[in-house]
C-alpha atoms as a PDB file:
ATOM      1  CA  UNK A   1    -129.578  48.845 104.306  1.00  0.00           C
ATOM      2  CA  UNK A   2    -129.326  45.345 102.973  1.00  0.00           C
ATOM      3  CA  UNK A   3    -131.653  43.385 100.713  1.00  0.00           C
ATOM      4  CA  UNK A   4    -133.229  41.432 103.589  1.00  0.00           C
ATOM      5  CA  UNK A   5    -133.902  44.645 105.333  1.00  0.00           C
ATOM      6  CA  UNK A   6    -135.343  46.185 102.365  1.00  0.00           C
ATOM      7  CA  UNK A   7    -137.774  43.278 101.892  1.00  0.00           C
ATOM      8  CA  UNK A   8    -138.676  43.181 105.448  1.00  0.00           C
ATOM      9  CA  UNK A   9    -139.463  46.832 105.434  1.00  0.00           C
ATOM     10  CA  UNK A  10    -141.547  46.639 102.141  1.00  0.00           C
ATOM     11  CA  UNK A  11    -143.484  43.674 103.836  1.00  0.00           C
ATOM     12  CA  UNK A  12    -144.307  45.768 106.763  1.00  0.00           C
ATOM     13  CA  UNK A  13    -145.537  48.544 104.674  1.00  0.00           C
ATOM     14  CA  UNK A  14    -147.475  46.561 102.236  1.00  0.00           C
ATOM     15  CA  UNK A  15    -147.722  42.864 102.869  1.00  0.00           C
ATOM     16  CA  UNK A  16    -149.161  42.184  99.309  1.00  0.00           C
ATOM     17  CA  UNK A  17    -145.710  42.420  97.956  1.00  0.00           C
ATOM     18  CA  UNK A  18    -144.451  39.562  99.902  1.00  0.00           C
ATOM     19  CA  UNK A  19    -144.280  37.012  97.108  1.00  0.00           C
ATOM     20  CA  UNK A  20    -142.371  39.378  94.858  1.00  0.00           C
ATOM     21  CA  UNK A  21    -139.823  40.224  97.716  1.00  0.00           C
ATOM     22  CA  UNK A  22    -139.489  36.470  98.488  1.00  0.00           C
ATOM     23  CA  UNK A  23    -138.646  35.871  94.895  1.00  0.00           C
ATOM     24  CA  UNK A  24    -136.013  38.603  95.078  1.00  0.00           C
ATOM     25  CA  UNK A  25    -134.530  37.101  98.113  1.00  0.00           C
ATOM     26  CA  UNK A  26    -134.349  33.633  96.469  1.00  0.00           C
ATOM     27  CA  UNK A  27    -132.621  34.888  93.600  1.00  0.00           C
ATOM     28  CA  UNK A  28    -130.330  36.821  95.533  1.00  0.00           C
ATOM     29  CA  UNK A  29    -129.312  33.940  97.722  1.00  0.00           C
ATOM     30  CA  UNK A  30    -128.851  31.611  94.593  1.00  0.00           C
ATOM     31  CA  UNK A  31    -126.529  34.276  93.046  1.00  0.00           C
ATOM     32  CA  UNK A  32    -124.522  34.568  96.369  1.00  0.00           C
ATOM     33  CA  UNK A  33    -124.279  30.637  96.590  1.00  0.00           C
ATOM     34  CA  UNK A  34    -122.936  30.411  93.015  1.00  0.00           C
ATOM     35  CA  UNK A  35    -120.366  33.019  93.568  1.00  0.00           C
ATOM     36  CA  UNK A  36    -119.314  31.136  96.725  1.00  0.00           C
ATOM     37  CA  UNK A  37    -119.005  27.834  94.931  1.00  0.00           C
ATOM     38  CA  UNK A  38    -117.346  29.461  92.047  1.00  0.00           C
ATOM     39  CA  UNK A  39    -114.612  30.965  94.373  1.00  0.00           C
ATOM     40  CA  UNK A  40    -114.087  27.811  96.301  1.00  0.00           C
ATOM     41  CA  UNK A  41    -113.849  25.771  93.077  1.00  0.00           C
ATOM     42  CA  UNK A  42    -111.174  28.278  91.501  1.00  0.00           C
ATOM     43  CA  UNK A  43    -109.215  28.257  94.638  1.00  0.00           C
ATOM     44  CA  UNK A  44    -109.186  24.373  94.916  1.00  0.00           C
ATOM     45  CA  UNK A  45    -108.306  24.172  91.206  1.00  0.00           C
ATOM     46  CA  UNK A  46    -105.333  26.510  91.692  1.00  0.00           C
ATOM     47  CA  UNK A  47    -104.205  24.690  94.661  1.00  0.00           C
ATOM     48  CA  UNK A  48    -104.179  21.555  92.877  1.00  0.00           C
ATOM     49  CA  UNK A  49    -102.242  22.923  89.979  1.00  0.00           C
ATOM     50  CA  UNK A  50     -99.507  24.409  92.355  1.00  0.00           C
ATOM     51  CA  UNK A  51     -99.256  20.853  94.120  1.00  0.00           C
ATOM     52  CA  UNK A  52     -98.633  19.339  90.877  1.00  0.00           C
ATOM     53  CA  UNK A  53     -95.864  21.678  90.009  1.00  0.00           C
ATOM     54  CA  UNK A  54     -97.847  23.319  87.263  1.00  0.00           C
ATOM     55  CA  UNK A  55     -98.482  26.812  87.273  1.00  0.00           C
ATOM     56  CA  UNK A  56    -101.400  28.693  85.993  1.00  0.00           C
END
């Protein structure tokens, strides 16, 4: 079960926890976005170094 499913299940069981669950989802999404951007940035930097003939 992933984080989204867990939060939905918690909400269905106890709707008072929705604000906490929403905050957890926002934080999780932010972390995933940052990881994605870092990977993309690293790949771009490596490709640029190889194009210029400079190896890492």
